[in-house]
Amino acid sequence: CPSAKLCVSLSSLSPPRYQRENFSHPTTMSYIAAALTPSPVAAAFPGIQWDPLGKLNLNPREKSLLRNAEHNPIDYTLSTEQEAKTYSCLLLRILSESLGPTGPSRVSFVKETLSTEDAMQILRVDAMGVVAHYVITKLYEVITCLLEKKGMSVAATFYNPTDGMLIDEWRPLLRVLHLGGNGDAFAQRGAAVSLAYILMAGCPSQGGSTMTRKINYSSAEEPLQALISWITSQLQSSVGTFLSLVTPTLTALMNCPEARLIFSSSGGIGYLCRHLRIGRSTAVSANSKKINKDAGASVQQLYELCFCLWTMTYECNSSATVRAHFARDGAVNALVDLVSSAPREKVVRVALSALRNLAICSADASPDSSGKKTIDGSTFLTDMIGAGLLKNIDLMRERQWTDPDLVDDVEVLYKLLHENFKEMSRWDVYKSELESGHLEWGILHSEKFFKENAKMMEGPDGDFFLLKMLIALVGSDDEEVAAIACFDIGEFVRHYPNGRSIAKRLGAKDIVMKLIEHENEEVQRHALQSVSKMMVQNWAAVS
């Protein structure tokens, strides 16, 4: 197995292209999604002595197999299908024995790579912890080799030949993920990636037709759900260190349609969008001041998360639920934010690809049976216009890009956005902008506009839902958005009959008054004017 290929990192890869017209699924990839970083105690691995480790209950033949595997290339150890299965099962059994009731102790606290002397000291005080790291490292080597070795497969190694069921020895990998406390970062990362490839091998979409035996997907489905449940539990944290635990596994799983659908049903799209927004803010802030590295996703993690969101768009044509999750969880806003902040060209590139897929998705093959409003490409295009993508795309067309795929995405989005924009009224554009939370000064935020459209703020149900959204935006961290929201509220009050009492009843006056002493003079000025309009009967005479 060529070692160079095993070290491929997602940072050096370009997102692969698939046929745009029919959204063919990116099922299998020809590379390992992310390399496993070395164990911090790897320097102690050569010092492991199997004979004194009586707890492992190894027989002479098993000890001999372990020693031979240490001194020979991994593909030699996996010469035949049976040898691969025997060695893999032995590693998993050792992992089970080494974990004990609570998992590794001293080793789990080691975060930095240790010197040989320090690693050997850890081996003496926590042999089982070092052994756990060793077998996870070897298991990952086995899996990466099987993925590339002709005539061999992960499925043949980890699934029974008679009934196609997943072997029982896989369970310690899931146990590693749920270790107490903060867990063991290396062990969790390695176990999760290894388990992902094992379980994906049991999915119908992953090359099952090339297998000589049938795999029973039902045996892999429940463990796959458990693995994705662990991933989403980690994504609930906004800390960047938790992201590093799951992004290698997540990028691997996103190549599998079955995993993508489970991830979506577990709220995964929302978690990805949340981290993209947090990470975008971190990346932008990093340009001007020093920030806590753990505050959010790094630029590389932004790319990996965006890559995952992009692969999820390939389920939009076939699943109304996935489309609904993209619309509900603010995916368009998160992606447009990335394009506008441009943390790196590679991030912009994959974000544009995701936006393009959303813009051309169709509900024809999977209509929503709930009777709700159809969500399709036109829905997402309206969201993109409201989020300000049209202006960004116009500017991007003027730049010289070296990547032809990026140029193609820009041109397609430019055409689709302008066609959709022509069909929208000014009120449609304003409503979309308001719903996106991206307010920008222009004709939509003027006295003339509100003279013509103030009545529209009532909404179809007469609940003034859009006015409530506008009041909420007064508290935005974006100072321009807050200033525009103050202005719009003031104009609504002026031009809607009894607008003053409605705005006060909804709490607008108290919220806006808090900004009168804002440090930003523009926000302060518009807040003061807005409050004045709510208090003065004839503002035109005063102004």
Protein backbone atom coordinates (compact mmCIF):
# COMPACT_ATOMS: atom_id res chain seq x y z
CA CYS A 1 0.00 0.00 0.00
CA PRO A 2 1.70 3.22 -1.10
CA SER A 3 2.34 5.23 2.05
CA ALA A 4 2.15 8.55 0.21
CA LYS A 5 -1.52 8.04 -0.47
CA LEU A 6 -2.28 7.34 3.16
CA CYS A 7 -1.10 10.79 4.19
CA VAL A 8 -3.41 12.68 1.86
CA SER A 9 -5.14 15.43 3.79
CA LEU A 10 -8.41 17.04 2.86
CA SER A 11 -6.61 20.39 2.75
CA SER A 12 -4.79 19.38 -0.43
CA LEU A 13 -7.80 17.99 -2.24
CA SER A 14 -10.18 19.64 -4.62
CA PRO A 15 -13.85 18.81 -4.18
CA PRO A 16 -14.64 16.35 -6.99
CA ARG A 17 -17.15 17.25 -9.67
CA TYR A 18 -20.28 15.29 -10.43
CA GLN A 19 -22.84 15.67 -13.18
CA ARG A 20 -24.80 18.79 -12.35
CA GLU A 21 -27.85 17.95 -14.41
CA ASN A 22 -29.00 14.87 -12.51
CA PHE A 23 -27.23 15.36 -9.18
CA SER A 24 -25.52 11.95 -9.39
CA HIS A 25 -24.41 11.04 -5.91
CA PRO A 26 -20.76 11.23 -4.79
CA THR A 27 -20.82 7.72 -3.34
CA THR A 28 -17.25 6.51 -3.27
CA MET A 29 -14.00 8.42 -3.31
CA SER A 30 -10.60 7.27 -4.50
CA TYR A 31 -8.77 8.68 -1.50
CA ILE A 32 -8.71 8.56 2.28
CA ALA A 33 -10.64 11.62 3.47
CA ALA A 34 -8.22 12.52 6.24
CA ALA A 35 -5.02 11.04 7.62
CA LEU A 36 -4.89 9.96 11.26
CA THR A 37 -2.38 12.07 13.14
CA PRO A 38 0.21 9.98 15.05
CA SER A 39 -0.40 9.01 18.65
CA PRO A 40 1.38 11.27 21.16
CA VAL A 41 2.95 8.13 22.67
CA ALA A 42 3.92 6.52 19.33
CA ALA A 43 7.58 6.57 20.37
CA ALA A 44 6.76 3.91 22.98
CA PHE A 45 5.22 1.43 20.53
CA PRO A 46 8.51 -0.42 19.82
CA GLY A 47 8.90 -0.92 23.57
CA ILE A 48 5.66 -2.86 24.02
CA GLN A 49 6.41 -6.36 25.35
CA TRP A 50 3.51 -8.76 24.84
CA ASP A 51 4.71 -11.51 27.20
CA PRO A 52 4.34 -9.57 30.49
CA LEU A 53 0.87 -8.31 29.56
CA GLY A 54 -1.02 -11.22 31.11
CA LYS A 55 -4.28 -9.26 31.21
CA LEU A 56 -4.58 -9.62 27.45
CA ASN A 57 -4.60 -13.47 27.61
CA LEU A 58 -2.59 -13.81 24.43
CA ASN A 59 -1.55 -17.29 23.30
CA PRO A 60 1.88 -17.94 21.69
CA ARG A 61 0.45 -17.88 18.17
CA GLU A 62 -1.17 -14.47 18.72
CA LYS A 63 2.02 -13.03 20.19
CA SER A 64 3.93 -14.32 17.18
CA LEU A 65 1.39 -12.70 14.81
CA LEU A 66 1.76 -9.35 16.59
CA ARG A 67 5.58 -9.48 16.44
CA ASN A 68 5.58 -10.42 12.76
CA ALA A 69 3.22 -7.53 12.01
CA GLU A 70 5.65 -5.13 13.69
CA HIS A 71 8.57 -6.22 11.54
CA ASN A 72 6.83 -6.61 8.18
CA PRO A 73 4.93 -4.25 5.88
CA ILE A 74 1.21 -4.19 6.63
CA ASP A 75 0.24 -5.53 3.20
CA TYR A 76 2.42 -8.60 3.90
CA THR A 77 0.52 -9.24 7.12
CA LEU A 78 -2.73 -8.99 5.13
CA SER A 79 -1.62 -11.40 2.39
CA THR A 80 -4.88 -13.33 2.36
CA GLU A 81 -8.47 -12.62 3.30
CA GLN A 82 -8.30 -14.98 6.28
CA GLU A 83 -5.05 -13.47 7.56
CA ALA A 84 -6.56 -10.00 7.36
CA LYS A 85 -9.62 -11.11 9.32
CA THR A 86 -7.53 -12.93 11.96
CA TYR A 87 -5.19 -9.99 12.54
CA SER A 88 -8.04 -7.44 12.61
CA CYS A 89 -10.09 -9.45 15.09
CA LEU A 90 -7.01 -9.86 17.30
CA LEU A 91 -6.45 -6.09 17.34
CA LEU A 92 -10.09 -5.47 18.26
CA ARG A 93 -9.96 -8.05 21.06
CA ILE A 94 -6.79 -6.46 22.47
CA LEU A 95 -8.49 -3.07 22.32
CA SER A 96 -11.41 -4.43 24.31
CA GLU A 97 -9.11 -5.88 26.98
CA SER A 98 -6.90 -2.80 27.18
CA LEU A 99 -9.73 -0.37 27.80
CA GLY A 100 -10.76 -1.77 31.16
CA PRO A 101 -13.86 -0.45 32.97
CA THR A 102 -13.08 3.27 32.50
CA GLY A 103 -10.67 3.37 29.57
CA PRO A 104 -7.03 4.57 29.39
CA SER A 105 -5.89 6.77 32.25
CA ARG A 106 -2.51 8.50 32.02
CA VAL A 107 -2.31 8.37 28.23
CA SER A 108 -5.62 10.18 27.79
CA PHE A 109 -4.12 13.29 29.40
CA VAL A 110 -1.19 13.41 26.96
CA LYS A 111 -1.89 16.03 24.28
CA GLU A 112 1.58 16.78 22.83
CA THR A 113 3.89 14.30 21.12
CA LEU A 114 6.29 12.85 23.68
CA SER A 115 9.97 12.10 23.28
CA THR A 116 11.04 8.45 23.37
CA GLU A 117 12.18 8.79 26.98
CA ASP A 118 8.91 10.34 28.16
CA ALA A 119 6.80 7.94 26.10
CA MET A 120 8.61 4.95 27.62
CA GLN A 121 7.93 6.38 31.06
CA ILE A 122 4.20 6.48 30.21
CA LEU A 123 4.44 2.88 28.98
CA ARG A 124 5.79 1.81 32.36
CA VAL A 125 2.97 3.46 34.32
CA ASP A 126 0.08 2.94 31.85
CA ALA A 127 0.89 0.02 29.59
CA MET A 128 -2.76 -0.63 28.68
CA GLY A 129 -3.23 3.00 27.59
CA VAL A 130 -0.25 2.78 25.24
CA VAL A 131 -1.47 -0.59 23.94
CA ALA A 132 -4.87 0.96 23.15
CA HIS A 133 -3.16 3.66 21.08
CA TYR A 134 -1.02 1.03 19.37
CA VAL A 135 -3.89 -1.21 18.27
CA ILE A 136 -5.97 1.76 17.04
CA THR A 137 -2.98 2.89 14.97
CA LYS A 138 -2.50 -0.60 13.52
CA LEU A 139 -6.23 -1.02 12.86
CA TYR A 140 -6.27 2.24 10.92
CA GLU A 141 -3.30 0.99 8.88
CA VAL A 142 -5.18 -2.24 8.17
CA ILE A 143 -8.27 -0.40 6.95
CA THR A 144 -6.40 2.09 4.75
CA CYS A 145 -4.45 -0.79 3.21
CA LEU A 146 -7.61 -2.82 2.56
CA LEU A 147 -9.19 0.18 0.85
CA GLU A 148 -6.37 0.22 -1.69
CA LYS A 149 -5.29 -3.42 -1.90
CA LYS A 150 -6.61 -5.21 -4.98
CA GLY A 151 -8.47 -8.42 -4.29
CA MET A 152 -9.10 -7.43 -0.66
CA SER A 153 -11.81 -5.38 0.98
CA VAL A 154 -12.97 -3.96 4.28
CA ALA A 155 -16.30 -5.76 3.85
CA ALA A 156 -14.67 -9.18 3.45
CA THR A 157 -12.59 -8.58 6.58
CA PHE A 158 -15.22 -7.24 8.97
CA TYR A 159 -18.38 -9.03 7.80
CA ASN A 160 -19.11 -12.75 8.19
CA PRO A 161 -18.89 -14.70 4.91
CA THR A 162 -21.94 -16.88 5.68
CA ASP A 163 -24.67 -14.41 6.64
CA GLY A 164 -23.02 -11.09 5.72
CA MET A 165 -23.42 -9.79 9.28
CA LEU A 166 -20.98 -7.34 10.88
CA ILE A 167 -18.58 -9.18 13.20
CA ASP A 168 -19.21 -8.74 16.93
CA GLU A 169 -15.63 -7.64 17.60
CA TRP A 170 -16.37 -4.07 16.38
CA ARG A 171 -17.99 -3.01 19.66
CA PRO A 172 -14.85 -1.76 21.50
CA LEU A 173 -14.53 0.99 18.87
CA LEU A 174 -17.87 2.46 19.91
CA ARG A 175 -16.93 2.04 23.55
CA VAL A 176 -13.83 4.18 23.02
CA LEU A 177 -16.04 7.05 21.85
CA HIS A 178 -17.96 7.11 25.12
CA LEU A 179 -15.06 7.12 27.57
CA GLY A 180 -15.67 9.17 30.70
CA GLY A 181 -14.57 12.78 31.17
CA ASN A 182 -13.00 14.43 28.15
CA GLY A 183 -12.00 11.03 26.81
CA ASP A 184 -8.85 10.22 24.89
CA ALA A 185 -8.66 12.49 21.84
CA PHE A 186 -6.36 10.30 19.74
CA ALA A 187 -8.19 7.09 20.64
CA GLN A 188 -11.59 8.64 19.93
CA ARG A 189 -10.50 10.16 16.62
CA GLY A 190 -8.85 6.93 15.44
CA ALA A 191 -11.68 4.68 16.61
CA ALA A 192 -14.31 6.90 14.97
CA VAL A 193 -12.54 7.00 11.59
CA SER A 194 -11.88 3.25 11.64
CA LEU A 195 -15.46 2.47 12.61
CA ALA A 196 -16.78 4.78 9.88
CA TYR A 197 -14.97 2.86 7.14
CA ILE A 198 -16.02 -0.48 8.60
CA LEU A 199 -19.68 0.52 8.72
CA MET A 200 -19.68 2.21 5.32
CA ALA A 201 -18.44 -1.04 3.82
CA GLY A 202 -21.77 -2.55 4.86
CA CYS A 203 -23.87 0.11 3.11
CA PRO A 204 -25.52 -0.87 -0.21
CA SER A 205 -24.18 2.24 -1.94
CA GLN A 206 -20.54 1.43 -1.22
CA GLY A 207 -19.52 -0.97 -3.96
CA GLY A 208 -21.74 -3.84 -2.90
CA SER A 209 -22.18 -4.92 -6.50
CA THR A 210 -18.47 -5.74 -6.74
CA MET A 211 -18.61 -8.10 -3.77
CA THR A 212 -18.82 -11.84 -4.31
CA ARG A 213 -20.91 -12.13 -1.14
CA LYS A 214 -23.95 -10.19 0.01
CA ILE A 215 -23.56 -7.84 2.99
CA ASN A 216 -26.37 -7.54 5.52
CA TYR A 217 -26.85 -3.78 5.87
CA SER A 218 -29.16 -4.17 8.86
CA SER A 219 -26.20 -5.25 11.00
CA ALA A 220 -24.34 -2.00 10.18
CA GLU A 221 -27.29 0.41 10.26
CA GLU A 222 -27.74 0.63 14.04
CA PRO A 223 -23.99 1.06 14.75
CA LEU A 224 -23.89 3.71 12.00
CA GLN A 225 -26.72 5.59 13.73
CA ALA A 226 -24.83 5.34 17.03
CA LEU A 227 -21.65 6.69 15.45
CA ILE A 228 -23.49 9.63 13.87
CA SER A 229 -25.26 10.29 17.16
CA TRP A 230 -21.85 10.62 18.82
CA ILE A 231 -20.71 13.00 16.06
CA THR A 232 -23.75 15.26 16.46
CA SER A 233 -23.26 15.29 20.24
CA GLN A 234 -19.73 16.63 19.67
CA LEU A 235 -21.00 19.19 17.15
CA GLN A 236 -23.30 20.62 19.80
CA SER A 237 -20.22 22.23 21.34
CA SER A 238 -18.93 25.47 19.81
CA VAL A 239 -15.34 24.69 20.86
CA GLY A 240 -12.93 24.09 17.99
CA THR A 241 -11.14 21.23 19.76
CA PHE A 242 -14.31 19.15 19.66
CA LEU A 243 -14.51 19.72 15.91
CA SER A 244 -11.08 18.18 15.43
CA LEU A 245 -12.43 14.97 16.97
CA VAL A 246 -15.17 14.51 14.39
CA THR A 247 -14.22 16.24 11.13
CA PRO A 248 -12.02 13.35 9.85
CA THR A 249 -14.85 10.89 10.44
CA LEU A 250 -17.55 13.22 9.12
CA THR A 251 -15.73 13.93 5.86
CA ALA A 252 -15.39 10.18 5.34
CA LEU A 253 -19.06 9.46 6.12
CA MET A 254 -20.29 12.16 3.76
CA ASN A 255 -19.22 9.97 0.83
CA CYS A 256 -22.01 7.57 1.79
CA PRO A 257 -25.68 8.41 0.95
CA GLU A 258 -26.99 6.26 3.80
CA ALA A 259 -24.83 8.16 6.29
CA ARG A 260 -25.85 11.51 4.82
CA LEU A 261 -29.54 10.78 5.31
CA ILE A 262 -29.01 9.62 8.91
CA PHE A 263 -26.91 12.72 9.59
CA SER A 264 -29.62 14.98 8.18
CA SER A 265 -32.35 13.32 10.26
CA SER A 266 -30.15 13.84 13.35
CA GLY A 267 -30.08 17.62 12.81
CA GLY A 268 -26.64 17.54 11.21
CA ILE A 269 -27.26 20.27 8.64
CA GLY A 270 -28.16 22.71 11.41
CA TYR A 271 -25.01 21.86 13.37
CA LEU A 272 -22.83 22.37 10.29
CA CYS A 273 -24.43 25.75 9.57
CA ARG A 274 -23.97 26.85 13.16
CA HIS A 275 -20.26 26.03 13.12
CA LEU A 276 -19.82 27.72 9.76
CA ARG A 277 -21.30 30.92 11.19
CA ILE A 278 -19.17 30.72 14.34
CA GLY A 279 -16.06 29.86 12.35
CA ARG A 280 -16.68 32.63 9.84
CA SER A 281 -16.84 35.17 12.68
CA THR A 282 -13.63 33.71 14.13
CA ALA A 283 -11.84 33.85 10.78
CA VAL A 284 -12.88 37.46 10.18
CA SER A 285 -11.92 38.53 13.73
CA ALA A 286 -8.55 36.83 13.37
CA ASN A 287 -7.60 39.34 10.69
CA SER A 288 -7.74 42.23 13.13
CA LYS A 289 -6.98 40.92 16.59
CA LYS A 290 -5.75 37.93 18.52
CA ILE A 291 -8.46 35.47 19.45
CA ASN A 292 -8.83 32.24 21.35
CA LYS A 293 -8.05 29.40 18.95
CA ASP A 294 -10.69 27.27 20.62
CA ALA A 295 -13.40 29.88 20.01
CA GLY A 296 -14.57 28.30 16.75
CA ALA A 297 -13.58 26.47 13.60
CA SER A 298 -10.22 27.14 11.98
CA VAL A 299 -10.06 27.93 8.26
CA GLN A 300 -9.20 24.29 7.53
CA GLN A 301 -12.14 23.13 9.63
CA LEU A 302 -14.36 25.65 7.83
CA TYR A 303 -13.34 24.00 4.58
CA GLU A 304 -14.05 20.52 5.91
CA LEU A 305 -17.44 21.54 7.33
CA CYS A 306 -18.32 23.30 4.08
CA PHE A 307 -17.23 20.18 2.17
CA CYS A 308 -19.67 18.15 4.29
CA LEU A 309 -22.49 20.61 3.64
CA TRP A 310 -21.71 20.50 -0.08
CA THR A 311 -21.98 16.71 -0.18
CA MET A 312 -25.30 16.95 1.68
CA THR A 313 -26.72 19.04 -1.20
CA TYR A 314 -26.59 15.91 -3.36
CA GLU A 315 -29.55 14.55 -1.41
CA CYS A 316 -31.76 17.55 -2.21
CA ASN A 317 -33.25 16.14 -5.41
CA SER A 318 -34.19 12.85 -3.77
CA SER A 319 -35.36 14.04 -0.34
CA ALA A 320 -37.94 16.69 0.54
CA THR A 321 -36.83 16.38 4.16
CA VAL A 322 -33.24 17.30 3.35
CA ARG A 323 -34.41 20.33 1.34
CA ALA A 324 -36.58 21.38 4.27
CA HIS A 325 -33.61 21.09 6.64
CA PHE A 326 -31.46 23.24 4.36
CA ALA A 327 -34.19 25.90 4.28
CA ARG A 328 -34.98 25.69 8.00
CA ASP A 329 -31.41 25.73 9.30
CA GLY A 330 -30.17 28.80 7.42
CA ALA A 331 -27.73 27.00 5.16
CA VAL A 332 -27.89 29.70 2.48
CA ASN A 333 -27.06 32.46 4.96
CA ALA A 334 -24.11 30.49 6.34
CA LEU A 335 -22.74 29.79 2.86
CA VAL A 336 -23.23 33.37 1.61
CA ASP A 337 -21.44 34.63 4.73
CA LEU A 338 -18.47 32.45 3.81
CA VAL A 339 -18.43 33.72 0.24
CA SER A 340 -18.58 37.35 1.38
CA SER A 341 -15.90 36.96 4.08
CA ALA A 342 -13.68 34.87 1.77
CA PRO A 343 -11.45 33.28 4.45
CA ARG A 344 -9.65 31.26 1.72
CA GLU A 345 -10.29 30.66 -1.97
CA LYS A 346 -10.77 26.93 -1.40
CA VAL A 347 -13.54 27.68 1.12
CA VAL A 348 -15.24 30.08 -1.30
CA ARG A 349 -14.99 27.49 -4.03
CA VAL A 350 -16.76 24.70 -2.17
CA ALA A 351 -19.32 27.16 -0.73
CA LEU A 352 -20.21 28.31 -4.25
CA SER A 353 -20.56 24.69 -5.37
CA ALA A 354 -22.99 24.04 -2.52
CA LEU A 355 -24.98 27.19 -3.38
CA ARG A 356 -25.12 26.17 -7.02
CA ASN A 357 -26.50 22.74 -6.13
CA LEU A 358 -29.16 24.34 -3.94
CA ALA A 359 -30.05 26.82 -6.70
CA ILE A 360 -30.72 24.07 -9.26
CA CYS A 361 -32.32 21.46 -7.02
CA SER A 362 -35.79 20.24 -7.93
CA ALA A 363 -38.78 18.85 -6.03
CA ASP A 364 -40.06 16.86 -9.04
CA ALA A 365 -38.61 13.51 -7.96
CA SER A 366 -39.52 13.92 -4.28
CA PRO A 367 -42.43 16.31 -3.71
CA ASP A 368 -43.34 17.24 -0.15
CA SER A 369 -46.32 15.09 0.85
CA SER A 370 -47.14 17.24 3.90
CA GLY A 371 -48.94 19.82 1.80
CA LYS A 372 -46.58 22.61 2.85
CA LYS A 373 -45.03 25.12 0.47
CA THR A 374 -42.74 23.48 -2.07
CA ILE A 375 -39.06 23.99 -1.35
CA ASP A 376 -36.85 23.87 -4.43
CA GLY A 377 -34.18 25.84 -6.23
CA SER A 378 -36.31 28.96 -6.55
CA THR A 379 -36.78 29.00 -2.77
CA PHE A 380 -33.04 28.94 -2.21
CA LEU A 381 -32.41 31.54 -4.93
CA THR A 382 -34.78 33.93 -3.15
CA ASP A 383 -32.87 33.31 0.08
CA MET A 384 -29.58 33.98 -1.72
CA ILE A 385 -30.86 37.31 -3.04
CA GLY A 386 -32.04 38.27 0.42
CA ALA A 387 -28.65 37.34 1.87
CA GLY A 388 -26.87 39.62 -0.60
CA LEU A 389 -25.26 37.00 -2.83
CA LEU A 390 -26.24 38.88 -6.00
CA LYS A 391 -23.89 41.75 -5.16
CA ASN A 392 -21.07 39.34 -4.26
CA ILE A 393 -21.46 37.39 -7.50
CA ASP A 394 -21.43 40.60 -9.55
CA LEU A 395 -18.12 41.55 -7.90
CA MET A 396 -16.68 38.05 -8.31
CA ARG A 397 -17.31 38.13 -12.07
CA GLU A 398 -14.88 41.05 -12.30
CA ARG A 399 -12.03 39.09 -10.71
CA GLN A 400 -9.59 36.85 -12.52
CA TRP A 401 -9.94 33.29 -11.22
CA THR A 402 -7.55 30.47 -12.13
CA ASP A 403 -9.97 27.70 -11.21
CA PRO A 404 -12.34 26.96 -14.14
CA ASP A 405 -14.83 25.21 -11.83
CA LEU A 406 -15.14 28.32 -9.68
CA VAL A 407 -15.63 30.49 -12.78
CA ASP A 408 -18.34 28.11 -13.99
CA ASP A 409 -20.14 28.24 -10.62
CA VAL A 410 -20.01 32.05 -10.61
CA GLU A 411 -21.46 32.26 -14.12
CA VAL A 412 -24.28 29.80 -13.41
CA LEU A 413 -25.21 31.55 -10.17
CA TYR A 414 -25.04 34.96 -11.86
CA LYS A 415 -27.52 33.87 -14.52
CA LEU A 416 -29.90 32.13 -12.10
CA LEU A 417 -29.86 34.96 -9.55
CA HIS A 418 -30.52 37.70 -12.11
CA GLU A 419 -33.34 35.71 -13.73
CA ASN A 420 -34.96 35.15 -10.34
CA PHE A 421 -34.41 38.79 -9.32
CA LYS A 422 -36.29 40.05 -12.39
CA GLU A 423 -39.36 38.07 -11.33
CA MET A 424 -39.35 39.46 -7.79
CA SER A 425 -41.13 42.65 -6.72
CA ARG A 426 -39.36 45.15 -4.49
CA TRP A 427 -41.42 43.89 -1.58
CA ASP A 428 -40.35 40.28 -2.31
CA VAL A 429 -36.73 41.38 -2.22
CA TYR A 430 -37.25 43.32 1.02
CA LYS A 431 -39.05 40.39 2.65
CA SER A 432 -36.27 38.00 1.62
CA GLU A 433 -33.61 40.39 2.90
CA LEU A 434 -35.44 40.78 6.19
CA GLU A 435 -35.86 37.03 6.64
CA SER A 436 -32.17 36.50 5.95
CA GLY A 437 -31.14 39.13 8.52
CA HIS A 438 -28.76 40.75 5.99
CA LEU A 439 -29.88 44.37 5.71
CA GLU A 440 -27.98 46.76 3.44
CA TRP A 441 -28.67 50.44 2.72
CA GLY A 442 -30.48 51.06 -0.54
CA ILE A 443 -33.83 51.91 -2.10
CA LEU A 444 -35.52 49.26 0.07
CA HIS A 445 -34.68 51.30 3.18
CA SER A 446 -36.10 54.67 2.23
CA GLU A 447 -39.10 56.91 2.89
CA LYS A 448 -40.45 56.24 -0.63
CA PHE A 449 -40.37 52.46 -0.14
CA PHE A 450 -42.27 52.57 3.16
CA LYS A 451 -44.85 55.00 1.79
CA GLU A 452 -45.70 52.35 -0.78
CA ASN A 453 -45.25 49.20 1.32
CA ALA A 454 -45.87 49.94 5.01
CA LYS A 455 -49.22 48.07 4.85
CA MET A 456 -47.37 44.92 3.74
CA MET A 457 -45.76 44.68 7.18
CA GLU A 458 -49.07 43.31 8.46
CA GLY A 459 -48.31 39.98 6.85
CA PRO A 460 -50.88 37.54 5.40
CA ASP A 461 -52.10 36.62 8.88
CA GLY A 462 -52.17 40.17 10.24
CA ASP A 463 -49.72 39.28 13.01
CA PHE A 464 -47.00 41.76 11.98
CA PHE A 465 -44.50 38.90 11.95
CA LEU A 466 -42.06 40.82 9.72
CA LEU A 467 -42.19 43.82 12.05
CA LYS A 468 -41.33 41.49 14.92
CA MET A 469 -38.35 40.23 12.91
CA LEU A 470 -37.28 43.83 12.30
CA ILE A 471 -37.46 44.61 16.00
CA ALA A 472 -35.32 41.52 16.73
CA LEU A 473 -32.68 42.75 14.27
CA VAL A 474 -32.24 45.92 16.35
CA GLY A 475 -30.18 43.72 18.65
CA SER A 476 -27.93 42.46 15.85
CA ASP A 477 -24.16 42.43 16.44
CA ASP A 478 -23.79 43.89 12.95
CA GLU A 479 -23.92 47.66 13.52
CA GLU A 480 -25.14 48.42 10.00
CA VAL A 481 -28.01 45.94 10.37
CA ALA A 482 -28.96 47.45 13.74
CA ALA A 483 -28.92 51.00 12.29
CA ILE A 484 -31.06 50.00 9.28
CA ALA A 485 -33.53 48.15 11.54
CA CYS A 486 -33.94 51.32 13.63
CA PHE A 487 -34.54 53.38 10.48
CA ASP A 488 -37.09 50.91 9.06
CA ILE A 489 -39.04 50.79 12.32
CA GLY A 490 -39.19 54.56 12.35
CA GLU A 491 -40.45 54.66 8.76
CA PHE A 492 -43.09 52.02 9.51
CA VAL A 493 -44.31 54.11 12.44
CA ARG A 494 -44.62 57.17 10.18
CA HIS A 495 -46.42 55.54 7.28
CA TYR A 496 -48.63 52.85 8.82
CA PRO A 497 -51.94 53.94 10.39
CA ASN A 498 -51.59 53.69 14.16
CA GLY A 499 -48.03 52.42 13.61
CA ARG A 500 -46.79 54.15 16.74
CA SER A 501 -49.02 52.17 19.11
CA ILE A 502 -48.36 48.88 17.28
CA ALA A 503 -44.59 49.34 17.48
CA LYS A 504 -44.78 50.28 21.17
CA ARG A 505 -47.05 47.30 21.92
CA LEU A 506 -44.47 44.96 20.36
CA GLY A 507 -41.72 46.46 22.54
CA ALA A 508 -39.90 48.33 19.78
CA LYS A 509 -39.52 51.57 21.77
CA ASP A 510 -37.78 49.98 24.75
CA ILE A 511 -35.44 47.93 22.55
CA VAL A 512 -34.47 50.83 20.29
CA MET A 513 -33.91 53.19 23.25
CA LYS A 514 -31.08 50.94 24.47
CA LEU A 515 -29.09 51.95 21.36
CA ILE A 516 -29.35 55.72 21.94
CA GLU A 517 -26.05 55.57 23.83
CA HIS A 518 -24.43 53.09 21.44
CA GLU A 519 -20.71 53.62 20.81
CA ASN A 520 -21.32 53.74 17.06
CA GLU A 521 -22.54 57.25 16.12
CA GLU A 522 -24.53 56.01 13.11
CA VAL A 523 -26.43 53.47 15.23
CA GLN A 524 -26.92 56.11 17.91
CA ARG A 525 -28.34 58.63 15.40
CA HIS A 526 -30.81 56.20 13.81
CA ALA A 527 -31.93 54.90 17.20
CA LEU A 528 -32.61 58.43 18.40
CA GLN A 529 -34.55 59.29 15.25
CA SER A 530 -36.55 56.06 15.45
CA VAL A 531 -37.58 56.70 19.06
CA SER A 532 -38.47 60.28 18.17
CA LYS A 533 -40.75 59.08 15.37
CA MET A 534 -42.50 56.80 17.85
CA MET A 535 -43.09 59.72 20.23
CA VAL A 536 -43.84 62.64 17.86
CA GLN A 537 -47.24 62.80 16.18
CA ASN A 538 -46.14 64.84 13.16
CA TRP A 539 -42.55 63.89 12.38
CA ALA A 540 -42.59 65.60 8.97
CA ALA A 541 -43.22 68.96 10.62
CA VAL A 542 -40.38 68.41 13.09
CA SER A 543 -37.87 67.25 10.48
